[in-house]
Amino acid sequence: MLAMLAAAAGTQTAFILLGCALFAVALFVYIFYGSEDVERGEAKTRLSYLAERKEATYENLRDLNFEYKAGKLSEEDYAMQRAALEDEAAAILAEMEAIEVQHKAQSRGKA
């Protein structure tokens, strides 16, 4: 009787190990050999990246103003952080303008 139970336990263990191995192989195939039909987002250009950064900087400025009005920031900290965010926004806008001017010049050259 004990021999039959030991054989049954050994068979169960073998099936469990086989199942785990098959699962591991299936997971490996799914992860590393995925379909090439994966939907991809649109390619980001430098201009679209800068537009996102501009919006984030403006949102940070709005948050900074709110925190200052709520009394969470001193006048000194507010002025320093506001100046840094305004400098960042100005740099972003200048780069966006330069890219747009370059695109216009290239489109005129092609026409």
Protein backbone atom coordinates (compact mmCIF):
# COMPACT_ATOMS: atom_id res chain seq x y z
CA MET A 1 0.00 0.00 0.00
CA LEU A 2 2.82 2.40 0.89
CA ALA A 3 4.56 1.58 -2.34
CA MET A 4 1.45 2.56 -4.31
CA LEU A 5 1.15 5.89 -2.44
CA ALA A 6 4.83 6.64 -3.02
CA ALA A 7 4.47 5.87 -6.72
CA ALA A 8 1.36 8.08 -6.95
CA ALA A 9 3.17 10.92 -5.18
CA GLY A 10 6.13 10.55 -7.53
CA THR A 11 3.80 10.65 -10.53
CA GLN A 12 2.06 13.78 -9.17
CA THR A 13 5.41 15.48 -8.62
CA ALA A 14 6.48 14.63 -12.15
CA PHE A 15 3.26 16.08 -13.60
CA ILE A 16 3.64 19.25 -11.52
CA LEU A 17 7.25 19.69 -12.66
CA LEU A 18 6.25 19.05 -16.27
CA GLY A 19 3.45 21.61 -15.97
CA CYS A 20 5.83 24.20 -14.47
CA ALA A 21 8.37 23.59 -17.22
CA LEU A 22 5.74 23.97 -19.94
CA PHE A 23 4.47 27.17 -18.31
CA ALA A 24 8.01 28.57 -18.14
CA VAL A 25 8.62 27.79 -21.81
CA ALA A 26 5.30 29.33 -22.82
CA LEU A 27 6.07 32.45 -20.77
CA PHE A 28 9.53 32.71 -22.32
CA VAL A 29 8.08 32.45 -25.83
CA TYR A 30 5.36 35.01 -25.06
CA ILE A 31 7.81 37.55 -23.66
CA PHE A 32 10.73 37.24 -26.06
CA TYR A 33 9.04 36.17 -29.27
CA GLY A 34 6.02 38.46 -29.20
CA SER A 35 4.02 39.42 -32.21
CA GLU A 36 5.37 42.09 -34.52
CA ASP A 37 1.82 43.40 -34.90
CA VAL A 38 2.07 45.33 -31.65
CA GLU A 39 0.40 48.69 -31.94
CA ARG A 40 2.90 51.45 -31.52
CA GLY A 41 2.23 55.06 -30.67
CA GLU A 42 3.16 57.85 -32.97
CA ALA A 43 6.83 58.72 -33.20
CA LYS A 44 7.76 61.68 -31.05
CA THR A 45 9.49 64.59 -32.62
CA ARG A 46 11.58 67.12 -30.77
CA LEU A 47 8.77 69.65 -31.24
CA SER A 48 6.12 67.40 -29.68
CA TYR A 49 8.48 66.64 -26.79
CA LEU A 50 9.02 70.36 -26.22
CA ALA A 51 5.26 71.00 -26.33
CA GLU A 52 4.79 68.41 -23.58
CA ARG A 53 7.60 69.97 -21.53
CA LYS A 54 6.04 73.43 -22.00
CA GLU A 55 2.69 72.20 -20.68
CA ALA A 56 4.39 70.51 -17.72
CA THR A 57 6.33 73.69 -16.92
CA TYR A 58 3.18 75.81 -17.08
CA GLU A 59 1.42 73.35 -14.80
CA ASN A 60 4.33 73.55 -12.38
CA LEU A 61 4.04 77.34 -12.40
CA ARG A 62 0.32 77.10 -11.62
CA ASP A 63 1.04 74.68 -8.77
CA LEU A 64 3.79 76.96 -7.45
CA ASN A 65 1.42 79.95 -7.42
CA PHE A 66 -1.22 77.90 -5.62
CA GLU A 67 1.24 76.72 -2.96
CA TYR A 68 2.51 80.26 -2.45
CA LYS A 69 -1.02 81.63 -2.04
CA ALA A 70 -1.81 78.78 0.36
CA GLY A 71 1.13 79.89 2.52
CA LYS A 72 3.27 76.81 1.99
CA LEU A 73 6.22 78.76 0.54
CA SER A 74 8.17 81.75 1.75
CA GLU A 75 8.57 84.81 -0.47
CA GLU A 76 12.24 83.89 -1.06
CA ASP A 77 11.54 80.29 -2.09
CA TYR A 78 8.63 81.36 -4.28
CA ALA A 79 10.72 83.96 -6.13
CA MET A 80 13.63 81.56 -6.65
CA GLN A 81 11.47 78.67 -7.92
CA ARG A 82 9.35 80.95 -10.08
CA ALA A 83 12.45 82.42 -11.73
CA ALA A 84 13.82 78.93 -12.43
CA LEU A 85 10.52 77.77 -13.97
CA GLU A 86 10.19 80.95 -16.04
CA ASP A 87 13.76 80.49 -17.33
CA GLU A 88 12.95 76.90 -18.26
CA ALA A 89 9.76 77.96 -20.04
CA ALA A 90 11.62 80.69 -21.94
CA ALA A 91 14.29 78.22 -23.07
CA ILE A 92 11.62 75.77 -24.23
CA LEU A 93 9.74 78.46 -26.14
CA ALA A 94 12.96 79.70 -27.77
CA GLU A 95 13.88 76.20 -28.92
CA MET A 96 10.35 75.61 -30.25
CA GLU A 97 10.54 78.88 -32.18
CA ALA A 98 13.93 77.93 -33.64
CA ILE A 99 12.61 74.55 -34.78
CA GLU A 100 9.53 76.13 -36.37
CA VAL A 101 11.67 78.71 -38.20
CA GLN A 102 13.94 75.91 -39.43
CA HIS A 103 10.94 73.89 -40.67
CA LYS A 104 9.58 76.95 -42.51
CA ALA A 105 12.94 77.58 -44.14
CA GLN A 106 13.20 73.97 -45.23
CA SER A 107 9.69 73.96 -46.67
CA ARG A 108 10.45 77.17 -48.61
CA GLY A 109 13.62 75.61 -49.97
CA LYS A 110 11.69 72.59 -51.26
CA ALA A 111 9.03 74.66 -52.97
